Amino acid sequence: MKRLGISRRDYERLPSETKSRLIALLEDIKKELRPRFSLRFLQLDGSWKDLNPPRFLALPEDHYHRLIKGSKGVTSRYKQELLDKIAELYELSSEPTSEASGLERWLENSHG
């Protein structure tokens, strides 16, 4: 269930459509995180405006799961909804890239 973080290089290899979806989803997650958690609590550096998918996804999903699940003063329903969104972010970032398979098909067709 828990996914490892991804490197900046792996992030850059994602299709542009996937990256756009990741950016939009992270913006939604940031709106939920910011009023209740600090970047320091999440063990991230910098500012909220500089938090982007490569920085967020560099840490494993389990990192956020442990911190958010163990936080006090936040309802368990809210925690679960937030963790579901984070899981969706990681799932999206680990989907196989369709662009590579499309290129492979084109190469096969051009040589066959």
PDB file of N, CA and C in Angstrom:
ATOM      1  N   MET A   1       0.829  -1.199   0.000  1.00  0.00           N
ATOM      2  CA  MET A   1       0.000   0.000   0.000  1.00  0.00           C
ATOM      3  C   MET A   1       0.868   1.255   0.000  1.00  0.00           C
ATOM      4  N   LYS A   2       1.883   1.278   0.829  1.00  0.00           N
ATOM      5  CA  LYS A   2       2.696   2.481   0.939  1.00  0.00           C
ATOM      6  C   LYS A   2       3.734   2.524  -0.185  1.00  0.00           C
ATOM      7  N   ARG A   3       3.816   3.660  -0.825  1.00  0.00           N
ATOM      8  CA  ARG A   3       4.747   3.826  -1.934  1.00  0.00           C
ATOM      9  C   ARG A   3       5.950   4.646  -1.502  1.00  0.00           C
ATOM     10  N   LEU A   4       7.061   4.338  -2.116  1.00  0.00           N
ATOM     11  CA  LEU A   4       8.287   5.087  -1.858  1.00  0.00           C
ATOM     12  C   LEU A   4       8.210   6.426  -2.562  1.00  0.00           C
ATOM     13  N   GLY A   5       9.065   7.341  -2.140  1.00  0.00           N
ATOM     14  CA  GLY A   5       9.137   8.622  -2.820  1.00  0.00           C
ATOM     15  C   GLY A   5       9.719   8.437  -4.209  1.00  0.00           C
ATOM     16  N   ILE A   6       9.576   9.457  -5.034  1.00  0.00           N
ATOM     17  CA  ILE A   6      10.162   9.383  -6.371  1.00  0.00           C
ATOM     18  C   ILE A   6      11.210  10.476  -6.515  1.00  0.00           C
ATOM     19  N   SER A   7      12.194  10.202  -7.327  1.00  0.00           N
ATOM     20  CA  SER A   7      13.269  11.172  -7.547  1.00  0.00           C
ATOM     21  C   SER A   7      12.796  12.258  -8.509  1.00  0.00           C
ATOM     22  N   ARG A   8      13.513  13.345  -8.513  1.00  0.00           N
ATOM     23  CA  ARG A   8      13.188  14.437  -9.433  1.00  0.00           C
ATOM     24  C   ARG A   8      13.290  13.940 -10.871  1.00  0.00           C
ATOM     25  N   ARG A   9      14.280  13.101 -11.146  1.00  0.00           N
ATOM     26  CA  ARG A   9      14.468  12.550 -12.492  1.00  0.00           C
ATOM     27  C   ARG A   9      13.238  11.739 -12.912  1.00  0.00           C
ATOM     28  N   ASP A  10      12.742  10.891 -12.005  1.00  0.00           N
ATOM     29  CA  ASP A  10      11.550  10.102 -12.320  1.00  0.00           C
ATOM     30  C   ASP A  10      10.337  10.999 -12.516  1.00  0.00           C
ATOM     31  N   TYR A  11      10.253  12.054 -11.714  1.00  0.00           N
ATOM     32  CA  TYR A  11       9.150  12.998 -11.867  1.00  0.00           C
ATOM     33  C   TYR A  11       9.207  13.656 -13.250  1.00  0.00           C
ATOM     34  N   GLU A  12      10.393  14.067 -13.667  1.00  0.00           N
ATOM     35  CA  GLU A  12      10.548  14.743 -14.962  1.00  0.00           C
ATOM     36  C   GLU A  12      10.205  13.818 -16.128  1.00  0.00           C
ATOM     37  N   ARG A  13      10.317  12.527 -15.937  1.00  0.00           N
ATOM     38  CA  ARG A  13      10.003  11.547 -16.989  1.00  0.00           C
ATOM     39  C   ARG A  13       8.504  11.310 -17.147  1.00  0.00           C
ATOM     40  N   LEU A  14       7.712  11.783 -16.195  1.00  0.00           N
ATOM     41  CA  LEU A  14       6.265  11.588 -16.283  1.00  0.00           C
ATOM     42  C   LEU A  14       5.691  12.386 -17.447  1.00  0.00           C
ATOM     43  N   PRO A  15       4.622  11.897 -18.052  1.00  0.00           N
ATOM     44  CA  PRO A  15       3.980  12.665 -19.131  1.00  0.00           C
ATOM     45  C   PRO A  15       3.496  14.021 -18.617  1.00  0.00           C
ATOM     46  N   SER A  16       3.472  14.998 -19.485  1.00  0.00           N
ATOM     47  CA  SER A  16       3.086  16.356 -19.073  1.00  0.00           C
ATOM     48  C   SER A  16       1.663  16.389 -18.526  1.00  0.00           C
ATOM     49  N   GLU A  17       0.764  15.574 -19.055  1.00  0.00           N
ATOM     50  CA  GLU A  17      -0.608  15.526 -18.542  1.00  0.00           C
ATOM     51  C   GLU A  17      -0.617  15.039 -17.092  1.00  0.00           C
ATOM     52  N   THR A  18       0.184  14.038 -16.790  1.00  0.00           N
ATOM     53  CA  THR A  18       0.269  13.515 -15.421  1.00  0.00           C
ATOM     54  C   THR A  18       0.835  14.575 -14.492  1.00  0.00           C
ATOM     55  N   LYS A  19       1.865  15.274 -14.936  1.00  0.00           N
ATOM     56  CA  LYS A  19       2.455  16.332 -14.101  1.00  0.00           C
ATOM     57  C   LYS A  19       1.443  17.437 -13.815  1.00  0.00           C
ATOM     58  N   SER A  20       0.642  17.792 -14.808  1.00  0.00           N
ATOM     59  CA  SER A  20      -0.389  18.810 -14.598  1.00  0.00           C
ATOM     60  C   SER A  20      -1.412  18.352 -13.570  1.00  0.00           C
ATOM     61  N   ARG A  21      -1.797  17.089 -13.655  1.00  0.00           N
ATOM     62  CA  ARG A  21      -2.754  16.548 -12.682  1.00  0.00           C
ATOM     63  C   ARG A  21      -2.140  16.501 -11.287  1.00  0.00           C
ATOM     64  N   LEU A  22      -0.850  16.172 -11.196  1.00  0.00           N
ATOM     65  CA  LEU A  22      -0.163  16.143  -9.904  1.00  0.00           C
ATOM     66  C   LEU A  22      -0.115  17.529  -9.277  1.00  0.00           C
ATOM     67  N   ILE A  23       0.173  18.520 -10.085  1.00  0.00           N
ATOM     68  CA  ILE A  23       0.230  19.903  -9.592  1.00  0.00           C
ATOM     69  C   ILE A  23      -1.131  20.326  -9.049  1.00  0.00           C
ATOM     70  N   ALA A  24      -2.187  20.046  -9.791  1.00  0.00           N
ATOM     71  CA  ALA A  24      -3.540  20.423  -9.354  1.00  0.00           C
ATOM     72  C   ALA A  24      -3.928  19.685  -8.073  1.00  0.00           C
ATOM     73  N   LEU A  25      -3.615  18.413  -8.001  1.00  0.00           N
ATOM     74  CA  LEU A  25      -3.952  17.633  -6.815  1.00  0.00           C
ATOM     75  C   LEU A  25      -3.151  18.105  -5.609  1.00  0.00           C
ATOM     76  N   LEU A  26      -1.873  18.419  -5.804  1.00  0.00           N
ATOM     77  CA  LEU A  26      -1.065  18.912  -4.688  1.00  0.00           C
ATOM     78  C   LEU A  26      -1.579  20.262  -4.201  1.00  0.00           C
ATOM     79  N   GLU A  27      -2.033  21.115  -5.091  1.00  0.00           N
ATOM     80  CA  GLU A  27      -2.590  22.402  -4.672  1.00  0.00           C
ATOM     81  C   GLU A  27      -3.804  22.186  -3.772  1.00  0.00           C
ATOM     82  N   ASP A  28      -4.621  21.217  -4.119  1.00  0.00           N
ATOM     83  CA  ASP A  28      -5.786  20.878  -3.305  1.00  0.00           C
ATOM     84  C   ASP A  28      -5.336  20.355  -1.927  1.00  0.00           C
ATOM     85  N   ILE A  29      -4.328  19.516  -1.924  1.00  0.00           N
ATOM     86  CA  ILE A  29      -3.806  18.966  -0.671  1.00  0.00           C
ATOM     87  C   ILE A  29      -3.198  20.073   0.191  1.00  0.00           C
ATOM     88  N   LYS A  30      -2.485  20.991  -0.433  1.00  0.00           N
ATOM     89  CA  LYS A  30      -1.871  22.098   0.317  1.00  0.00           C
ATOM     90  C   LYS A  30      -2.940  22.955   0.996  1.00  0.00           C
ATOM     91  N   LYS A  31      -4.072  23.165   0.328  1.00  0.00           N
ATOM     92  CA  LYS A  31      -5.165  23.934   0.932  1.00  0.00           C
ATOM     93  C   LYS A  31      -5.681  23.256   2.192  1.00  0.00           C
ATOM     94  N   GLU A  32      -5.652  21.933   2.198  1.00  0.00           N
ATOM     95  CA  GLU A  32      -6.094  21.167   3.366  1.00  0.00           C
ATOM     96  C   GLU A  32      -5.023  21.132   4.457  1.00  0.00           C
ATOM     97  N   LEU A  33      -3.776  21.022   4.061  1.00  0.00           N
ATOM     98  CA  LEU A  33      -2.677  20.905   5.024  1.00  0.00           C
ATOM     99  C   LEU A  33      -2.364  22.222   5.730  1.00  0.00           C
ATOM    100  N   ARG A  34      -2.290  23.279   4.966  1.00  0.00           N
ATOM    101  CA  ARG A  34      -1.757  24.553   5.473  1.00  0.00           C
ATOM    102  C   ARG A  34      -2.421  25.071   6.745  1.00  0.00           C
ATOM    103  N   PRO A  35      -3.752  25.053   6.853  1.00  0.00           N
ATOM    104  CA  PRO A  35      -4.352  25.588   8.084  1.00  0.00           C
ATOM    105  C   PRO A  35      -4.108  24.723   9.325  1.00  0.00           C
ATOM    106  N   ARG A  36      -3.757  23.470   9.126  1.00  0.00           N
ATOM    107  CA  ARG A  36      -3.670  22.543  10.260  1.00  0.00           C
ATOM    108  C   ARG A  36      -2.269  22.053  10.586  1.00  0.00           C
ATOM    109  N   PHE A  37      -1.373  22.093   9.615  1.00  0.00           N
ATOM    110  CA  PHE A  37      -0.027  21.552   9.801  1.00  0.00           C
ATOM    111  C   PHE A  37       1.012  22.555   9.289  1.00  0.00           C
ATOM    112  N   SER A  38       2.164  22.559   9.926  1.00  0.00           N
ATOM    113  CA  SER A  38       3.257  23.406   9.444  1.00  0.00           C
ATOM    114  C   SER A  38       4.181  22.557   8.573  1.00  0.00           C
ATOM    115  N   LEU A  39       4.958  23.231   7.741  1.00  0.00           N
ATOM    116  CA  LEU A  39       5.941  22.513   6.943  1.00  0.00           C
ATOM    117  C   LEU A  39       6.971  21.846   7.857  1.00  0.00           C
ATOM    118  N   ARG A  40       7.286  22.503   8.952  1.00  0.00           N
ATOM    119  CA  ARG A  40       8.229  21.916   9.909  1.00  0.00           C
ATOM    120  C   ARG A  40       7.679  20.605  10.464  1.00  0.00           C
ATOM    121  N   PHE A  41       6.375  20.585  10.803  1.00  0.00           N
ATOM    122  CA  PHE A  41       5.749  19.361  11.297  1.00  0.00           C
ATOM    123  C   PHE A  41       5.839  18.251  10.245  1.00  0.00           C
ATOM    124  N   LEU A  42       5.662  18.615   8.974  1.00  0.00           N
ATOM    125  CA  LEU A  42       5.733  17.649   7.877  1.00  0.00           C
ATOM    126  C   LEU A  42       7.171  17.327   7.485  1.00  0.00           C
ATOM    127  N   GLN A  43       8.115  17.978   8.154  1.00  0.00           N
ATOM    128  CA  GLN A  43       9.551  17.797   7.930  1.00  0.00           C
ATOM    129  C   GLN A  43       9.960  18.191   6.506  1.00  0.00           C
ATOM    130  N   LEU A  44       9.382  19.313   6.064  1.00  0.00           N
ATOM    131  CA  LEU A  44       9.714  19.892   4.771  1.00  0.00           C
ATOM    132  C   LEU A  44      10.300  21.284   5.000  1.00  0.00           C
ATOM    133  N   ASP A  45      11.214  21.693   4.156  1.00  0.00           N
ATOM    134  CA  ASP A  45      11.837  23.006   4.259  1.00  0.00           C
ATOM    135  C   ASP A  45      11.154  23.982   3.307  1.00  0.00           C
ATOM    136  N   GLY A  46      11.490  25.261   3.463  1.00  0.00           N
ATOM    137  CA  GLY A  46      11.008  26.270   2.538  1.00  0.00           C
ATOM    138  C   GLY A  46       9.660  26.835   2.929  1.00  0.00           C
ATOM    139  N   SER A  47       8.941  27.296   1.908  1.00  0.00           N
ATOM    140  CA  SER A  47       7.638  27.916   2.143  1.00  0.00           C
ATOM    141  C   SER A  47       6.561  27.122   1.404  1.00  0.00           C
ATOM    142  N   TRP A  48       5.318  27.385   1.776  1.00  0.00           N
ATOM    143  CA  TRP A  48       4.204  26.693   1.143  1.00  0.00           C
ATOM    144  C   TRP A  48       4.153  26.963  -0.355  1.00  0.00           C
ATOM    145  N   LYS A  49       4.455  28.202  -0.755  1.00  0.00           N
ATOM    146  CA  LYS A  49       4.368  28.529  -2.189  1.00  0.00           C
ATOM    147  C   LYS A  49       5.435  27.801  -3.002  1.00  0.00           C
ATOM    148  N   ASP A  50       6.529  27.388  -2.344  1.00  0.00           N
ATOM    149  CA  ASP A  50       7.587  26.665  -3.045  1.00  0.00           C
ATOM    150  C   ASP A  50       7.412  25.148  -3.009  1.00  0.00           C
ATOM    151  N   LEU A  51       6.407  24.675  -2.303  1.00  0.00           N
ATOM    152  CA  LEU A  51       6.179  23.232  -2.205  1.00  0.00           C
ATOM    153  C   LEU A  51       5.555  22.742  -3.505  1.00  0.00           C
ATOM    154  N   ASN A  52       6.296  21.916  -4.228  1.00  0.00           N
ATOM    155  CA  ASN A  52       5.840  21.399  -5.511  1.00  0.00           C
ATOM    156  C   ASN A  52       5.836  19.870  -5.478  1.00  0.00           C
ATOM    157  N   PRO A  53       5.255  19.230  -6.490  1.00  0.00           N
ATOM    158  CA  PRO A  53       5.189  17.767  -6.473  1.00  0.00           C
ATOM    159  C   PRO A  53       6.537  17.065  -6.295  1.00  0.00           C
ATOM    160  N   PRO A  54       7.607  17.473  -6.981  1.00  0.00           N
ATOM    161  CA  PRO A  54       8.868  16.749  -6.757  1.00  0.00           C
ATOM    162  C   PRO A  54       9.346  16.806  -5.297  1.00  0.00           C
ATOM    163  N   ARG A  55       9.188  17.954  -4.652  1.00  0.00           N
ATOM    164  CA  ARG A  55       9.601  18.063  -3.240  1.00  0.00           C
ATOM    165  C   ARG A  55       8.702  17.237  -2.339  1.00  0.00           C
ATOM    166  N   PHE A  56       7.409  17.287  -2.577  1.00  0.00           N
ATOM    167  CA  PHE A  56       6.468  16.541  -1.746  1.00  0.00           C
ATOM    168  C   PHE A  56       6.642  15.040  -1.948  1.00  0.00           C
ATOM    169  N   LEU A  57       6.789  14.620  -3.186  1.00  0.00           N
ATOM    170  CA  LEU A  57       6.886  13.195  -3.508  1.00  0.00           C
ATOM    171  C   LEU A  57       8.264  12.599  -3.243  1.00  0.00           C
ATOM    172  N   ALA A  58       9.238  13.424  -2.898  1.00  0.00           N
ATOM    173  CA  ALA A  58      10.578  12.906  -2.599  1.00  0.00           C
ATOM    174  C   ALA A  58      10.566  12.041  -1.337  1.00  0.00           C
ATOM    175  N   LEU A  59       9.642  12.319  -0.441  1.00  0.00           N
ATOM    176  CA  LEU A  59       9.507  11.522   0.785  1.00  0.00           C
ATOM    177  C   LEU A  59       8.503  10.399   0.530  1.00  0.00           C
ATOM    178  N   PRO A  60       8.669   9.261   1.186  1.00  0.00           N
ATOM    179  CA  PRO A  60       7.728   8.162   0.972  1.00  0.00           C
ATOM    180  C   PRO A  60       6.334   8.489   1.510  1.00  0.00           C
ATOM    181  N   GLU A  61       5.345   7.858   0.948  1.00  0.00           N
ATOM    182  CA  GLU A  61       3.960   8.080   1.371  1.00  0.00           C
ATOM    183  C   GLU A  61       3.793   7.777   2.860  1.00  0.00           C
ATOM    184  N   ASP A  62       4.487   6.764   3.345  1.00  0.00           N
ATOM    185  CA  ASP A  62       4.386   6.369   4.752  1.00  0.00           C
ATOM    186  C   ASP A  62       4.817   7.501   5.695  1.00  0.00           C
ATOM    187  N   HIS A  63       5.726   8.347   5.255  1.00  0.00           N
ATOM    188  CA  HIS A  63       6.188   9.490   6.054  1.00  0.00           C
ATOM    189  C   HIS A  63       4.993  10.370   6.439  1.00  0.00           C
ATOM    190  N   TYR A  64       4.197  10.756   5.449  1.00  0.00           N
ATOM    191  CA  TYR A  64       3.035  11.612   5.700  1.00  0.00           C
ATOM    192  C   TYR A  64       1.956  10.847   6.464  1.00  0.00           C
ATOM    193  N   HIS A  65       1.812   9.576   6.147  1.00  0.00           N
ATOM    194  CA  HIS A  65       0.807   8.749   6.818  1.00  0.00           C
ATOM    195  C   HIS A  65       1.051   8.724   8.329  1.00  0.00           C
ATOM    196  N   ARG A  66       2.298   8.468   8.734  1.00  0.00           N
ATOM    197  CA  ARG A  66       2.625   8.408  10.160  1.00  0.00           C
ATOM    198  C   ARG A  66       2.406   9.745  10.847  1.00  0.00           C
ATOM    199  N   LEU A  67       2.859  10.832  10.223  1.00  0.00           N
ATOM    200  CA  LEU A  67       2.739  12.155  10.839  1.00  0.00           C
ATOM    201  C   LEU A  67       1.281  12.590  10.980  1.00  0.00           C
ATOM    202  N   ILE A  68       0.524  12.440   9.921  1.00  0.00           N
ATOM    203  CA  ILE A  68      -0.862  12.905   9.937  1.00  0.00           C
ATOM    204  C   ILE A  68      -1.722  12.006  10.820  1.00  0.00           C
ATOM    205  N   LYS A  69      -1.535  10.703  10.707  1.00  0.00           N
ATOM    206  CA  LYS A  69      -2.314   9.758  11.514  1.00  0.00           C
ATOM    207  C   LYS A  69      -2.071   9.988  13.008  1.00  0.00           C
ATOM    208  N   GLY A  70      -0.844  10.342  13.381  1.00  0.00           N
ATOM    209  CA  GLY A  70      -0.508  10.544  14.785  1.00  0.00           C
ATOM    210  C   GLY A  70      -0.760  11.945  15.312  1.00  0.00           C
ATOM    211  N   SER A  71      -1.205  12.859  14.450  1.00  0.00           N
ATOM    212  CA  SER A  71      -1.420  14.237  14.888  1.00  0.00           C
ATOM    213  C   SER A  71      -2.636  14.343  15.797  1.00  0.00           C
ATOM    214  N   LYS A  72      -2.579  15.304  16.679  1.00  0.00           N
ATOM    215  CA  LYS A  72      -3.679  15.521  17.630  1.00  0.00           C
ATOM    216  C   LYS A  72      -4.476  16.761  17.200  1.00  0.00           C
ATOM    217  N   GLY A  73      -5.697  16.838  17.629  1.00  0.00           N
ATOM    218  CA  GLY A  73      -6.508  18.015  17.344  1.00  0.00           C
ATOM    219  C   GLY A  73      -7.134  18.034  15.969  1.00  0.00           C
ATOM    220  N   VAL A  74      -7.044  16.930  15.251  1.00  0.00           N
ATOM    221  CA  VAL A  74      -7.655  16.836  13.934  1.00  0.00           C
ATOM    222  C   VAL A  74      -8.519  15.586  13.933  1.00  0.00           C
ATOM    223  N   THR A  75      -9.735  15.702  13.433  1.00  0.00           N
ATOM    224  CA  THR A  75     -10.646  14.559  13.481  1.00  0.00           C
ATOM    225  C   THR A  75     -10.138  13.402  12.631  1.00  0.00           C
ATOM    226  N   SER A  76     -10.510  12.208  13.020  1.00  0.00           N
ATOM    227  CA  SER A  76     -10.051  11.029  12.282  1.00  0.00           C
ATOM    228  C   SER A  76     -10.646  10.994  10.872  1.00  0.00           C
ATOM    229  N   ARG A  77     -11.855  11.515  10.709  1.00  0.00           N
ATOM    230  CA  ARG A  77     -12.458  11.569   9.378  1.00  0.00           C
ATOM    231  C   ARG A  77     -11.656  12.498   8.467  1.00  0.00           C
ATOM    232  N   TYR A  78     -11.278  13.666   8.989  1.00  0.00           N
ATOM    233  CA  TYR A  78     -10.464  14.603   8.215  1.00  0.00           C
ATOM    234  C   TYR A  78      -9.128  13.969   7.853  1.00  0.00           C
ATOM    235  N   LYS A  79      -8.494  13.311   8.825  1.00  0.00           N
ATOM    236  CA  LYS A  79      -7.212  12.650   8.576  1.00  0.00           C
ATOM    237  C   LYS A  79      -7.337  11.642   7.446  1.00  0.00           C
ATOM    238  N   GLN A  80      -8.390  10.840   7.487  1.00  0.00           N
ATOM    239  CA  GLN A  80      -8.558   9.807   6.467  1.00  0.00           C
ATOM    240  C   GLN A  80      -8.782  10.412   5.088  1.00  0.00           C
ATOM    241  N   GLU A  81      -9.574  11.463   5.002  1.00  0.00           N
ATOM    242  CA  GLU A  81      -9.806  12.127   3.714  1.00  0.00           C
ATOM    243  C   GLU A  81      -8.505  12.695   3.159  1.00  0.00           C
ATOM    244  N   LEU A  82      -7.710  13.297   4.030  1.00  0.00           N
ATOM    245  CA  LEU A  82      -6.434  13.857   3.606  1.00  0.00           C
ATOM    246  C   LEU A  82      -5.470  12.753   3.168  1.00  0.00           C
ATOM    247  N   LEU A  83      -5.409  11.684   3.932  1.00  0.00           N
ATOM    248  CA  LEU A  83      -4.536  10.558   3.576  1.00  0.00           C
ATOM    249  C   LEU A  83      -4.979   9.900   2.274  1.00  0.00           C
ATOM    250  N   ASP A  84      -6.274   9.880   2.008  1.00  0.00           N
ATOM    251  CA  ASP A  84      -6.769   9.345   0.735  1.00  0.00           C
ATOM    252  C   ASP A  84      -6.297  10.208  -0.438  1.00  0.00           C
ATOM    253  N   LYS A  85      -6.318  11.529  -0.258  1.00  0.00           N
ATOM    254  CA  LYS A  85      -5.843  12.428  -1.321  1.00  0.00           C
ATOM    255  C   LYS A  85      -4.346  12.248  -1.544  1.00  0.00           C
ATOM    256  N   ILE A  86      -3.588  12.091  -0.469  1.00  0.00           N
ATOM    257  CA  ILE A  86      -2.149  11.884  -0.595  1.00  0.00           C
ATOM    258  C   ILE A  86      -1.876  10.551  -1.287  1.00  0.00           C
ATOM    259  N   ALA A  87      -2.640   9.521  -0.945  1.00  0.00           N
ATOM    260  CA  ALA A  87      -2.491   8.221  -1.607  1.00  0.00           C
ATOM    261  C   ALA A  87      -2.777   8.352  -3.099  1.00  0.00           C
ATOM    262  N   GLU A  88      -3.783   9.148  -3.456  1.00  0.00           N
ATOM    263  CA  GLU A  88      -4.112   9.377  -4.861  1.00  0.00           C
ATOM    264  C   GLU A  88      -2.950  10.062  -5.579  1.00  0.00           C
ATOM    265  N   LEU A  89      -2.308  11.006  -4.906  1.00  0.00           N
ATOM    266  CA  LEU A  89      -1.153  11.692  -5.478  1.00  0.00           C
ATOM    267  C   LEU A  89      -0.031  10.700  -5.779  1.00  0.00           C
ATOM    268  N   TYR A  90       0.264   9.831  -4.823  1.00  0.00           N
ATOM    269  CA  TYR A  90       1.321   8.843  -5.023  1.00  0.00           C
ATOM    270  C   TYR A  90       0.934   7.819  -6.085  1.00  0.00           C
ATOM    271  N   GLU A  91      -0.321   7.434  -6.107  1.00  0.00           N
ATOM    272  CA  GLU A  91      -0.781   6.477  -7.110  1.00  0.00           C
ATOM    273  C   GLU A  91      -0.627   7.069  -8.512  1.00  0.00           C
ATOM    274  N   LEU A  92      -1.009   8.310  -8.660  1.00  0.00           N
ATOM    275  CA  LEU A  92      -0.892   8.993  -9.944  1.00  0.00           C
ATOM    276  C   LEU A  92       0.563   9.101 -10.376  1.00  0.00           C
ATOM    277  N   SER A  93       1.448   9.372  -9.434  1.00  0.00           N
ATOM    278  CA  SER A  93       2.863   9.536  -9.782  1.00  0.00           C
ATOM    279  C   SER A  93       3.530   8.210 -10.140  1.00  0.00           C
ATOM    280  N   SER A  94       2.910   7.098  -9.761  1.00  0.00           N
ATOM    281  CA  SER A  94       3.526   5.798 -10.040  1.00  0.00           C
ATOM    282  C   SER A  94       2.843   5.047 -11.171  1.00  0.00           C
ATOM    283  N   GLU A  95       1.879   5.688 -11.846  1.00  0.00           N
ATOM    284  CA  GLU A  95       1.223   5.046 -12.986  1.00  0.00           C
ATOM    285  C   GLU A  95       2.222   4.869 -14.112  1.00  0.00           C
ATOM    286  N   PRO A  96       2.122   3.744 -14.838  1.00  0.00           N
ATOM    287  CA  PRO A  96       3.021   3.567 -15.982  1.00  0.00           C
ATOM    288  C   PRO A  96       2.766   4.647 -17.022  1.00  0.00           C
ATOM    289  N   THR A  97       3.800   5.089 -17.644  1.00  0.00           N
ATOM    290  CA  THR A  97       3.664   6.173 -18.613  1.00  0.00           C
ATOM    291  C   THR A  97       3.194   5.620 -19.949  1.00  0.00           C
ATOM    292  N   SER A  98       2.134   6.180 -20.450  1.00  0.00           N
ATOM    293  CA  SER A  98       1.586   5.730 -21.723  1.00  0.00           C
ATOM    294  C   SER A  98       2.393   6.291 -22.892  1.00  0.00           C
ATOM    295  N   GLU A  99       3.098   7.410 -22.688  1.00  0.00           N
ATOM    296  CA  GLU A  99       3.899   7.983 -23.762  1.00  0.00           C
ATOM    297  C   GLU A  99       5.006   7.031 -24.181  1.00  0.00           C
ATOM    298  N   ALA A 100       5.636   6.361 -23.211  1.00  0.00           N
ATOM    299  CA  ALA A 100       6.715   5.433 -23.535  1.00  0.00           C
ATOM    300  C   ALA A 100       6.170   4.259 -24.341  1.00  0.00           C
ATOM    301  N   SER A 101       5.026   3.730 -23.939  1.00  0.00           N
ATOM    302  CA  SER A 101       4.469   2.604 -24.680  1.00  0.00           C
ATOM    303  C   SER A 101       4.052   3.040 -26.079  1.00  0.00           C
ATOM    304  N   GLY A 102       3.578   4.271 -26.232  1.00  0.00           N
ATOM    305  CA  GLY A 102       3.231   4.787 -27.549  1.00  0.00           C
ATOM    306  C   GLY A 102       4.451   4.900 -28.442  1.00  0.00           C
ATOM    307  N   LEU A 103       5.556   5.342 -27.876  1.00  0.00           N
ATOM    308  CA  LEU A 103       6.802   5.434 -28.623  1.00  0.00           C
ATOM    309  C   LEU A 103       7.290   4.048 -29.017  1.00  0.00           C
ATOM    310  N   GLU A 104       7.179   3.107 -28.096  1.00  0.00           N
ATOM    311  CA  GLU A 104       7.593   1.737 -28.400  1.00  0.00           C
ATOM    312  C   GLU A 104       6.761   1.167 -29.546  1.00  0.00           C
ATOM    313  N   ARG A 105       5.459   1.407 -29.536  1.00  0.00           N
ATOM    314  CA  ARG A 105       4.593   0.931 -30.625  1.00  0.00           C
ATOM    315  C   ARG A 105       4.997   1.573 -31.953  1.00  0.00           C
ATOM    316  N   TRP A 106       5.306   2.854 -31.938  1.00  0.00           N
ATOM    317  CA  TRP A 106       5.698   3.548 -33.167  1.00  0.00           C
ATOM    318  C   TRP A 106       6.989   2.941 -33.710  1.00  0.00           C
ATOM    319  N   LEU A 107       7.958   2.675 -32.820  1.00  0.00           N
ATOM    320  CA  LEU A 107       9.223   2.082 -33.255  1.00  0.00           C
ATOM    321  C   LEU A 107       9.006   0.693 -33.853  1.00  0.00           C
ATOM    322  N   GLU A 108       8.134  -0.097 -33.229  1.00  0.00           N
ATOM    323  CA  GLU A 108       7.836  -1.439 -33.748  1.00  0.00           C
ATOM    324  C   GLU A 108       7.202  -1.341 -35.133  1.00  0.00           C
ATOM    325  N   ASN A 109       6.268  -0.415 -35.295  1.00  0.00           N
ATOM    326  CA  ASN A 109       5.577  -0.275 -36.577  1.00  0.00           C
ATOM    327  C   ASN A 109       6.491   0.249 -37.663  1.00  0.00           C
ATOM    328  N   SER A 110       7.430   1.106 -37.320  1.00  0.00           N
ATOM    329  CA  SER A 110       8.308   1.681 -38.341  1.00  0.00           C
ATOM    330  C   SER A 110       9.386   0.690 -38.794  1.00  0.00           C
ATOM    331  N   HIS A 111       9.685  -0.306 -37.967  1.00  0.00           N
ATOM    332  CA  HIS A 111      10.698  -1.302 -38.333  1.00  0.00           C
ATOM    333  C   HIS A 111      10.081  -2.607 -38.806  1.00  0.00           C
ATOM    334  N   GLY A 112       8.786  -2.748 -38.696  1.00  0.00           N
ATOM    335  CA  GLY A 112       8.156  -4.023 -39.026  1.00  0.00           C
ATOM    336  C   GLY A 112       7.559  -3.986 -40.357  1.00  0.00           C
TER     337      GLY A 112
END
